[in-house]
Amino acid sequence: MKSDNNEYSTVERRRIILEELEKNKQVKMTDLFRLFNVSKVTLRKDLQYLESKNLLIRSRGGAMLPVKMADDLSVKQRMVLNLKQKKAIATAAISMIGEGDTIIIDSGTTLMQLACLLDKVQNLTVITNAIDIALKLSEFDHLKIIIPGGIFRKNSFSLVGVFAVDNFSMFRADRYFVSADGINEDGVFTSNLEEGQLAKLIMSNAKENVLLVDSSKFDRMGIINYSSLEKFHTLITDKDLPKKYHKILNEQGIRVVIADSIV
């Protein structure tokens, strides 16, 4: 942000702040201070005003665009969204699964794409709370399928609740493959409390946690923040991963795999 003119009206400052947010998704107080040459008190008032109009969200050291909330869509609705990317992500994930492994697969349409490829792996034990995924896996002869049980949730075809948490607490796995409804700098989100509670438990019992999400899930939120980013070992996504997350994920020590969209 550069300018030779430091004389701005209040309306002009706020318009420019919004323009910078549209371009860069976030602004820093230090940059605004250099640009406008006004007091930090004045800048805070500008940000407070814009936040009151739901035009930005103040953050430490600046502000960001309001984060979109993820919708709790049904499986049928989600099945057709970003299908090409989901298939590519699943193809990249299958390379992490070896003969004799025990894995846990969460519910979700990206995880269903992974399940469709598991006929390629011999002597595999799959634990899942997703009824639709378990039915798909039943087509393959060489898999052992474990369904811990719980209360059926129609939107995701998954088994959740207190029974599911109790049952899953006894299982350990080499890898846990899970997705999310939204991801931002604060962590990983789901739109359902019970699914979030279950995911948190399973993550603590798996040797490796693998997050499978297409790029549309970034800079979004859900109702429940079920994990910080640092608790994931690997993240598999597509080539449209927002640039800022390359640095964020690297700083958290997360291995990032960019799936080839040509599958």
C-alpha atoms as a PDB file:
ATOM      1  CA  MET A   1       0.000   0.000   0.000  1.00  0.00           C
ATOM      2  CA  LYS A   2       1.671   3.202  -1.154  1.00  0.00           C
ATOM      3  CA  SER A   3       0.528   6.800  -1.458  1.00  0.00           C
ATOM      4  CA  ASP A   4       2.084  10.230  -1.699  1.00  0.00           C
ATOM      5  CA  ASN A   5      -0.987  11.831  -0.127  1.00  0.00           C
ATOM      6  CA  ASN A   6      -1.512  11.411   3.601  1.00  0.00           C
ATOM      7  CA  GLU A   7      -4.645  13.587   3.773  1.00  0.00           C
ATOM      8  CA  TYR A   8      -7.647  11.304   3.853  1.00  0.00           C
ATOM      9  CA  SER A   9     -11.156  11.882   5.055  1.00  0.00           C
ATOM     10  CA  THR A  10     -12.749   9.319   7.343  1.00  0.00           C
ATOM     11  CA  VAL A  11     -14.888   8.019   4.493  1.00  0.00           C
ATOM     12  CA  GLU A  12     -11.860   7.718   2.191  1.00  0.00           C
ATOM     13  CA  ARG A  13      -9.815   5.846   4.806  1.00  0.00           C
ATOM     14  CA  ARG A  14     -12.568   3.333   5.363  1.00  0.00           C
ATOM     15  CA  ARG A  15     -13.126   2.865   1.642  1.00  0.00           C
ATOM     16  CA  ILE A  16      -9.407   2.199   1.108  1.00  0.00           C
ATOM     17  CA  ILE A  17      -9.308  -0.233   4.037  1.00  0.00           C
ATOM     18  CA  LEU A  18     -12.135  -2.222   2.450  1.00  0.00           C
ATOM     19  CA  GLU A  19     -10.398  -2.160  -0.947  1.00  0.00           C
ATOM     20  CA  GLU A  20      -7.229  -3.547   0.619  1.00  0.00           C
ATOM     21  CA  LEU A  21      -9.245  -6.253   2.352  1.00  0.00           C
ATOM     22  CA  GLU A  22     -10.839  -7.278  -0.936  1.00  0.00           C
ATOM     23  CA  LYS A  23      -7.402  -7.556  -2.546  1.00  0.00           C
ATOM     24  CA  ASN A  24      -5.405  -9.160   0.254  1.00  0.00           C
ATOM     25  CA  LYS A  25      -8.081 -10.699   2.553  1.00  0.00           C
ATOM     26  CA  GLN A  26      -6.426  -8.980   5.520  1.00  0.00           C
ATOM     27  CA  VAL A  27      -4.770  -5.707   6.563  1.00  0.00           C
ATOM     28  CA  LYS A  28      -2.190  -4.902   9.216  1.00  0.00           C
ATOM     29  CA  MET A  29      -2.341  -1.954  11.597  1.00  0.00           C
ATOM     30  CA  THR A  30       1.311  -1.165  10.902  1.00  0.00           C
ATOM     31  CA  ASP A  31       0.613  -0.832   7.171  1.00  0.00           C
ATOM     32  CA  LEU A  32      -2.456   1.317   7.757  1.00  0.00           C
ATOM     33  CA  PHE A  33      -0.517   3.536  10.136  1.00  0.00           C
ATOM     34  CA  ARG A  34       2.180   4.159   7.499  1.00  0.00           C
ATOM     35  CA  LEU A  35      -0.377   4.756   4.768  1.00  0.00           C
ATOM     36  CA  PHE A  36      -2.724   7.174   6.507  1.00  0.00           C
ATOM     37  CA  ASN A  37      -0.371   8.858   8.988  1.00  0.00           C
ATOM     38  CA  VAL A  38      -3.084   9.060  11.636  1.00  0.00           C
ATOM     39  CA  SER A  39      -3.137   7.905  15.233  1.00  0.00           C
ATOM     40  CA  LYS A  40      -3.716   4.298  16.183  1.00  0.00           C
ATOM     41  CA  VAL A  41      -6.777   5.436  18.112  1.00  0.00           C
ATOM     42  CA  THR A  42      -8.259   6.777  14.873  1.00  0.00           C
ATOM     43  CA  LEU A  43      -7.461   3.562  13.025  1.00  0.00           C
ATOM     44  CA  ARG A  44      -9.045   1.486  15.773  1.00  0.00           C
ATOM     45  CA  LYS A  45     -12.207   3.590  15.479  1.00  0.00           C
ATOM     46  CA  ASP A  46     -12.223   2.966  11.721  1.00  0.00           C
ATOM     47  CA  LEU A  47     -11.907  -0.775  12.234  1.00  0.00           C
ATOM     48  CA  GLN A  48     -14.502  -0.791  15.004  1.00  0.00           C
ATOM     49  CA  TYR A  49     -16.954   1.040  12.749  1.00  0.00           C
ATOM     50  CA  LEU A  50     -16.394  -1.315   9.814  1.00  0.00           C
ATOM     51  CA  GLU A  51     -16.702  -4.328  12.110  1.00  0.00           C
ATOM     52  CA  SER A  52     -20.032  -2.991  13.439  1.00  0.00           C
ATOM     53  CA  LYS A  53     -21.274  -3.056   9.826  1.00  0.00           C
ATOM     54  CA  ASN A  54     -20.069  -6.682   9.446  1.00  0.00           C
ATOM     55  CA  LEU A  55     -17.588  -5.592   6.775  1.00  0.00           C
ATOM     56  CA  LEU A  56     -14.520  -6.987   8.547  1.00  0.00           C
ATOM     57  CA  ILE A  57     -13.371  -8.868  11.622  1.00  0.00           C
ATOM     58  CA  ARG A  58     -10.705  -7.307  13.799  1.00  0.00           C
ATOM     59  CA  SER A  59      -7.785  -9.569  14.574  1.00  0.00           C
ATOM     60  CA  ARG A  60      -4.524  -9.277  16.434  1.00  0.00           C
ATOM     61  CA  GLY A  61      -2.560  -6.531  14.697  1.00  0.00           C
ATOM     62  CA  GLY A  62      -5.160  -5.742  12.045  1.00  0.00           C
ATOM     63  CA  ALA A  63      -8.328  -7.059  10.440  1.00  0.00           C
ATOM     64  CA  MET A  64      -9.571  -9.685   8.002  1.00  0.00           C
ATOM     65  CA  LEU A  65     -12.574 -10.275   5.811  1.00  0.00           C
ATOM     66  CA  PRO A  66     -15.542 -11.883   7.550  1.00  0.00           C
ATOM     67  CA  VAL A  67     -15.124 -15.655   7.380  1.00  0.00           C
ATOM     68  CA  LYS A  68     -17.910 -17.511   5.613  1.00  0.00           C
ATOM     69  CA  MET A  69     -19.762 -20.053   7.703  1.00  0.00           C
ATOM     70  CA  ALA A  70     -19.885 -23.545   6.292  1.00  0.00           C
ATOM     71  CA  ASP A  71     -23.341 -24.991   5.737  1.00  0.00           C
ATOM     72  CA  ASP A  72     -24.350 -28.351   7.174  1.00  0.00           C
ATOM     73  CA  LEU A  73     -25.299 -29.791   3.792  1.00  0.00           C
ATOM     74  CA  SER A  74     -26.611 -33.284   3.234  1.00  0.00           C
ATOM     75  CA  VAL A  75     -24.473 -36.002   1.666  1.00  0.00           C
ATOM     76  CA  LYS A  76     -26.454 -35.747  -1.573  1.00  0.00           C
ATOM     77  CA  GLN A  77     -25.875 -31.989  -1.761  1.00  0.00           C
ATOM     78  CA  ARG A  78     -22.147 -32.300  -1.055  1.00  0.00           C
ATOM     79  CA  MET A  79     -21.594 -35.238  -3.383  1.00  0.00           C
ATOM     80  CA  VAL A  80     -21.662 -33.070  -6.512  1.00  0.00           C
ATOM     81  CA  LEU A  81     -19.490 -30.245  -5.149  1.00  0.00           C
ATOM     82  CA  ASN A  82     -15.852 -30.146  -6.347  1.00  0.00           C
ATOM     83  CA  LEU A  83     -16.016 -33.813  -7.325  1.00  0.00           C
ATOM     84  CA  LYS A  84     -12.949 -33.657  -9.571  1.00  0.00           C
ATOM     85  CA  GLN A  85     -10.816 -32.259  -6.747  1.00  0.00           C
ATOM     86  CA  LYS A  86     -12.145 -34.811  -4.259  1.00  0.00           C
ATOM     87  CA  LYS A  87     -11.229 -37.704  -6.551  1.00  0.00           C
ATOM     88  CA  ALA A  88      -7.723 -36.288  -6.972  1.00  0.00           C
ATOM     89  CA  ILE A  89      -7.311 -35.873  -3.210  1.00  0.00           C
ATOM     90  CA  ALA A  90      -8.444 -39.467  -2.648  1.00  0.00           C
ATOM     91  CA  THR A  91      -5.961 -40.731  -5.245  1.00  0.00           C
ATOM     92  CA  ALA A  92      -3.149 -38.923  -3.421  1.00  0.00           C
ATOM     93  CA  ALA A  93      -4.304 -40.291  -0.061  1.00  0.00           C
ATOM     94  CA  ILE A  94      -4.371 -43.933  -1.145  1.00  0.00           C
ATOM     95  CA  SER A  95      -0.582 -43.888  -1.479  1.00  0.00           C
ATOM     96  CA  MET A  96      -0.362 -43.432   2.307  1.00  0.00           C
ATOM     97  CA  ILE A  97      -2.129 -46.731   3.032  1.00  0.00           C
ATOM     98  CA  GLY A  98      -0.177 -49.988   3.053  1.00  0.00           C
ATOM     99  CA  GLU A  99      -0.893 -53.685   3.380  1.00  0.00           C
ATOM    100  CA  GLY A 100      -1.725 -54.713   6.937  1.00  0.00           C
ATOM    101  CA  ASP A 101      -2.605 -51.187   8.086  1.00  0.00           C
ATOM    102  CA  THR A 102      -5.441 -50.304  10.410  1.00  0.00           C
ATOM    103  CA  ILE A 103      -7.104 -47.038   9.427  1.00  0.00           C
ATOM    104  CA  ILE A 104     -10.074 -44.978  10.569  1.00  0.00           C
ATOM    105  CA  ILE A 105     -12.145 -43.212   7.929  1.00  0.00           C
ATOM    106  CA  ASP A 106     -14.505 -40.425   8.908  1.00  0.00           C
ATOM    107  CA  SER A 107     -17.771 -39.628   7.145  1.00  0.00           C
ATOM    108  CA  GLY A 108     -17.942 -37.277   4.166  1.00  0.00           C
ATOM    109  CA  THR A 109     -17.923 -37.209   0.387  1.00  0.00           C
ATOM    110  CA  THR A 110     -14.147 -36.807   0.054  1.00  0.00           C
ATOM    111  CA  LEU A 111     -13.696 -39.810   2.347  1.00  0.00           C
ATOM    112  CA  MET A 112     -16.165 -41.755   0.204  1.00  0.00           C
ATOM    113  CA  GLN A 113     -13.890 -41.186  -2.790  1.00  0.00           C
ATOM    114  CA  LEU A 114     -11.030 -42.637  -0.746  1.00  0.00           C
ATOM    115  CA  ALA A 115     -13.155 -45.634   0.246  1.00  0.00           C
ATOM    116  CA  CYS A 116     -13.830 -46.379  -3.425  1.00  0.00           C
ATOM    117  CA  LEU A 117     -10.092 -46.935  -3.948  1.00  0.00           C
ATOM    118  CA  LEU A 118      -9.452 -49.277  -1.018  1.00  0.00           C
ATOM    119  CA  ASP A 119      -9.909 -52.403  -3.131  1.00  0.00           C
ATOM    120  CA  LYS A 120      -6.294 -51.765  -4.168  1.00  0.00           C
ATOM    121  CA  VAL A 121      -4.965 -52.483  -0.642  1.00  0.00           C
ATOM    122  CA  GLN A 122      -4.632 -56.012   0.732  1.00  0.00           C
ATOM    123  CA  ASN A 123      -5.159 -57.154   4.323  1.00  0.00           C
ATOM    124  CA  LEU A 124      -6.554 -53.816   5.473  1.00  0.00           C
ATOM    125  CA  THR A 125      -8.639 -53.131   8.585  1.00  0.00           C
ATOM    126  CA  VAL A 126     -10.997 -50.164   8.237  1.00  0.00           C
ATOM    127  CA  ILE A 127     -12.840 -48.635  11.179  1.00  0.00           C
ATOM    128  CA  THR A 128     -15.568 -46.184  10.215  1.00  0.00           C
ATOM    129  CA  ASN A 129     -18.637 -44.526  11.680  1.00  0.00           C
ATOM    130  CA  ALA A 130     -20.039 -43.783   8.202  1.00  0.00           C
ATOM    131  CA  ILE A 131     -22.790 -46.170   7.122  1.00  0.00           C
ATOM    132  CA  ASP A 132     -22.519 -45.312   3.407  1.00  0.00           C
ATOM    133  CA  ILE A 133     -18.759 -45.853   3.456  1.00  0.00           C
ATOM    134  CA  ALA A 134     -19.124 -49.175   5.267  1.00  0.00           C
ATOM    135  CA  LEU A 135     -21.617 -50.332   2.617  1.00  0.00           C
ATOM    136  CA  LYS A 136     -19.192 -49.383  -0.141  1.00  0.00           C
ATOM    137  CA  LEU A 137     -16.353 -51.235   1.566  1.00  0.00           C
ATOM    138  CA  SER A 138     -18.532 -54.332   1.849  1.00  0.00           C
ATOM    139  CA  GLU A 139     -18.058 -54.756  -1.912  1.00  0.00           C
ATOM    140  CA  PHE A 140     -14.374 -55.612  -1.349  1.00  0.00           C
ATOM    141  CA  ASP A 141     -13.540 -59.124  -0.159  1.00  0.00           C
ATOM    142  CA  HIS A 142     -10.118 -58.535   1.392  1.00  0.00           C
ATOM    143  CA  LEU A 143     -11.050 -55.866   3.967  1.00  0.00           C
ATOM    144  CA  LYS A 144     -11.987 -56.195   7.629  1.00  0.00           C
ATOM    145  CA  ILE A 145     -14.651 -53.596   8.417  1.00  0.00           C
ATOM    146  CA  ILE A 146     -15.409 -52.423  11.961  1.00  0.00           C
ATOM    147  CA  ILE A 147     -18.397 -50.174  12.716  1.00  0.00           C
ATOM    148  CA  PRO A 148     -18.257 -49.032  16.363  1.00  0.00           C
ATOM    149  CA  GLY A 149     -21.892 -47.927  16.473  1.00  0.00           C
ATOM    150  CA  GLY A 150     -23.791 -44.903  17.716  1.00  0.00           C
ATOM    151  CA  ILE A 151     -26.821 -42.765  16.900  1.00  0.00           C
ATOM    152  CA  PHE A 152     -27.544 -42.373  13.190  1.00  0.00           C
ATOM    153  CA  ARG A 153     -27.175 -38.850  11.783  1.00  0.00           C
ATOM    154  CA  LYS A 154     -29.049 -38.547   8.496  1.00  0.00           C
ATOM    155  CA  ASN A 155     -27.212 -35.505   7.075  1.00  0.00           C
ATOM    156  CA  SER A 156     -23.861 -37.292   7.044  1.00  0.00           C
ATOM    157  CA  PHE A 157     -24.923 -40.980   7.184  1.00  0.00           C
ATOM    158  CA  SER A 158     -22.700 -41.226  10.248  1.00  0.00           C
ATOM    159  CA  LEU A 159     -23.013 -42.741  13.726  1.00  0.00           C
ATOM    160  CA  VAL A 160     -22.384 -40.189  16.476  1.00  0.00           C
ATOM    161  CA  GLY A 161     -23.235 -39.413  20.083  1.00  0.00           C
ATOM    162  CA  VAL A 162     -22.217 -40.791  23.477  1.00  0.00           C
ATOM    163  CA  PHE A 163     -22.335 -44.420  22.302  1.00  0.00           C
ATOM    164  CA  ALA A 164     -20.013 -43.651  19.388  1.00  0.00           C
ATOM    165  CA  VAL A 165     -17.531 -41.830  21.623  1.00  0.00           C
ATOM    166  CA  ASP A 166     -17.471 -44.697  24.138  1.00  0.00           C
ATOM    167  CA  ASN A 167     -17.077 -47.320  21.433  1.00  0.00           C
ATOM    168  CA  PHE A 168     -14.365 -45.467  19.527  1.00  0.00           C
ATOM    169  CA  SER A 169     -12.325 -44.883  22.683  1.00  0.00           C
ATOM    170  CA  MET A 170     -11.115 -48.501  22.606  1.00  0.00           C
ATOM    171  CA  PHE A 171      -9.684 -48.367  19.074  1.00  0.00           C
ATOM    172  CA  ARG A 172      -6.206 -47.363  17.906  1.00  0.00           C
ATOM    173  CA  ALA A 173      -5.131 -46.878  14.289  1.00  0.00           C
ATOM    174  CA  ASP A 174      -2.133 -46.215  12.086  1.00  0.00           C
ATOM    175  CA  ARG A 175      -3.916 -43.324  10.376  1.00  0.00           C
ATOM    176  CA  TYR A 176      -7.090 -41.342  10.738  1.00  0.00           C
ATOM    177  CA  PHE A 177      -8.475 -39.844   7.539  1.00  0.00           C
ATOM    178  CA  VAL A 178     -10.859 -36.982   8.221  1.00  0.00           C
ATOM    179  CA  SER A 179     -12.302 -33.972   6.428  1.00  0.00           C
ATOM    180  CA  ALA A 180     -13.746 -30.627   7.561  1.00  0.00           C
ATOM    181  CA  ASP A 181     -16.446 -28.104   6.801  1.00  0.00           C
ATOM    182  CA  GLY A 182     -14.068 -25.183   7.172  1.00  0.00           C
ATOM    183  CA  ILE A 183     -10.460 -24.249   7.865  1.00  0.00           C
ATOM    184  CA  ASN A 184      -8.835 -20.974   8.833  1.00  0.00           C
ATOM    185  CA  GLU A 185      -5.876 -19.797  10.898  1.00  0.00           C
ATOM    186  CA  ASP A 186      -7.719 -20.643  14.126  1.00  0.00           C
ATOM    187  CA  GLY A 187      -8.137 -24.311  13.271  1.00  0.00           C
ATOM    188  CA  VAL A 188     -10.389 -26.903  11.681  1.00  0.00           C
ATOM    189  CA  PHE A 189     -14.183 -26.741  11.881  1.00  0.00           C
ATOM    190  CA  THR A 190     -17.250 -28.913  11.546  1.00  0.00           C
ATOM    191  CA  SER A 191     -20.900 -27.908  11.489  1.00  0.00           C
ATOM    192  CA  ASN A 192     -22.012 -30.567  13.971  1.00  0.00           C
ATOM    193  CA  LEU A 193     -21.116 -30.731  17.658  1.00  0.00           C
ATOM    194  CA  GLU A 194     -21.268 -34.523  17.957  1.00  0.00           C
ATOM    195  CA  GLU A 195     -19.089 -35.111  14.902  1.00  0.00           C
ATOM    196  CA  GLY A 196     -16.561 -32.629  16.282  1.00  0.00           C
ATOM    197  CA  GLN A 197     -16.413 -34.398  19.650  1.00  0.00           C
ATOM    198  CA  LEU A 198     -15.879 -37.743  17.960  1.00  0.00           C
ATOM    199  CA  ALA A 199     -13.162 -36.434  15.641  1.00  0.00           C
ATOM    200  CA  LYS A 200     -11.274 -34.937  18.591  1.00  0.00           C
ATOM    201  CA  LEU A 201     -11.278 -38.288  20.391  1.00  0.00           C
ATOM    202  CA  ILE A 202     -10.185 -40.298  17.361  1.00  0.00           C
ATOM    203  CA  MET A 203      -7.340 -37.899  16.615  1.00  0.00           C
ATOM    204  CA  SER A 204      -5.874 -38.570  20.047  1.00  0.00           C
ATOM    205  CA  ASN A 205      -5.895 -42.325  19.366  1.00  0.00           C
ATOM    206  CA  ALA A 206      -4.333 -42.367  15.895  1.00  0.00           C
ATOM    207  CA  LYS A 207      -0.603 -42.441  15.156  1.00  0.00           C
ATOM    208  CA  GLU A 208      -1.094 -40.085  12.215  1.00  0.00           C
ATOM    209  CA  ASN A 209      -3.909 -37.662  11.416  1.00  0.00           C
ATOM    210  CA  VAL A 210      -4.520 -36.882   7.747  1.00  0.00           C
ATOM    211  CA  LEU A 211      -6.821 -34.034   6.705  1.00  0.00           C
ATOM    212  CA  LEU A 212      -8.463 -34.340   3.282  1.00  0.00           C
ATOM    213  CA  VAL A 213     -10.059 -31.084   2.098  1.00  0.00           C
ATOM    214  CA  ASP A 214     -10.538 -29.337  -1.212  1.00  0.00           C
ATOM    215  CA  SER A 215      -9.485 -25.694  -1.458  1.00  0.00           C
ATOM    216  CA  SER A 216     -13.047 -24.346  -1.150  1.00  0.00           C
ATOM    217  CA  LYS A 217     -12.964 -25.193   2.575  1.00  0.00           C
ATOM    218  CA  PHE A 218     -10.269 -22.628   3.396  1.00  0.00           C
ATOM    219  CA  ASP A 219     -11.184 -19.299   5.019  1.00  0.00           C
ATOM    220  CA  ARG A 220     -14.455 -20.817   6.174  1.00  0.00           C
ATOM    221  CA  MET A 221     -15.800 -21.695   9.606  1.00  0.00           C
ATOM    222  CA  GLY A 222     -18.213 -24.161  11.120  1.00  0.00           C
ATOM    223  CA  ILE A 223     -19.983 -24.098  14.460  1.00  0.00           C
ATOM    224  CA  ILE A 224     -17.354 -26.264  16.167  1.00  0.00           C
ATOM    225  CA  ASN A 225     -13.592 -25.819  16.104  1.00  0.00           C
ATOM    226  CA  TYR A 226     -12.601 -29.439  16.699  1.00  0.00           C
ATOM    227  CA  SER A 227      -8.832 -29.154  16.290  1.00  0.00           C
ATOM    228  CA  SER A 228      -5.925 -26.793  15.876  1.00  0.00           C
ATOM    229  CA  LEU A 229      -3.956 -27.141  12.635  1.00  0.00           C
ATOM    230  CA  GLU A 230      -0.816 -28.353  14.382  1.00  0.00           C
ATOM    231  CA  LYS A 231      -2.440 -31.653  15.403  1.00  0.00           C
ATOM    232  CA  PHE A 232      -2.503 -32.839  11.804  1.00  0.00           C
ATOM    233  CA  HIS A 233       0.518 -34.558  10.332  1.00  0.00           C
ATOM    234  CA  THR A 234      -0.512 -34.322   6.673  1.00  0.00           C
ATOM    235  CA  LEU A 235      -2.981 -32.198   4.707  1.00  0.00           C
ATOM    236  CA  ILE A 236      -4.010 -33.214   1.199  1.00  0.00           C
ATOM    237  CA  THR A 237      -5.744 -30.626  -0.962  1.00  0.00           C
ATOM    238  CA  ASP A 238      -5.843 -29.312  -4.541  1.00  0.00           C
ATOM    239  CA  LYS A 239      -3.747 -26.779  -6.438  1.00  0.00           C
ATOM    240  CA  ASP A 240      -6.028 -23.849  -5.535  1.00  0.00           C
ATOM    241  CA  LEU A 241      -4.937 -23.853  -1.887  1.00  0.00           C
ATOM    242  CA  PRO A 242      -4.818 -20.117  -0.943  1.00  0.00           C
ATOM    243  CA  LYS A 243      -1.222 -18.885  -1.001  1.00  0.00           C
ATOM    244  CA  LYS A 244      -1.157 -17.670   2.587  1.00  0.00           C
ATOM    245  CA  TYR A 245      -1.834 -21.197   3.851  1.00  0.00           C
ATOM    246  CA  HIS A 246       1.374 -22.572   2.339  1.00  0.00           C
ATOM    247  CA  LYS A 247       3.282 -20.493   4.909  1.00  0.00           C
ATOM    248  CA  ILE A 248       0.799 -21.082   7.746  1.00  0.00           C
ATOM    249  CA  LEU A 249       0.826 -24.857   7.329  1.00  0.00           C
ATOM    250  CA  ASN A 250       4.605 -24.973   6.938  1.00  0.00           C
ATOM    251  CA  GLU A 251       5.032 -23.026  10.185  1.00  0.00           C
ATOM    252  CA  GLN A 252       2.799 -25.572  11.927  1.00  0.00           C
ATOM    253  CA  GLY A 253       5.015 -28.414  10.686  1.00  0.00           C
ATOM    254  CA  ILE A 254       2.284 -29.947   8.538  1.00  0.00           C
ATOM    255  CA  ARG A 255       3.192 -31.874   5.412  1.00  0.00           C
ATOM    256  CA  VAL A 256       1.125 -30.496   2.513  1.00  0.00           C
ATOM    257  CA  VAL A 257       0.311 -32.674  -0.478  1.00  0.00           C
ATOM    258  CA  ILE A 258      -1.127 -30.965  -3.548  1.00  0.00           C
ATOM    259  CA  ALA A 259      -3.198 -33.487  -5.488  1.00  0.00           C
ATOM    260  CA  ASP A 260      -3.012 -33.600  -9.263  1.00  0.00           C
ATOM    261  CA  SER A 261      -6.448 -32.648 -10.582  1.00  0.00           C
ATOM    262  CA  ILE A 262      -5.994 -34.849 -13.634  1.00  0.00           C
ATOM    263  CA  VAL A 263      -7.344 -38.236 -12.553  1.00  0.00           C
END
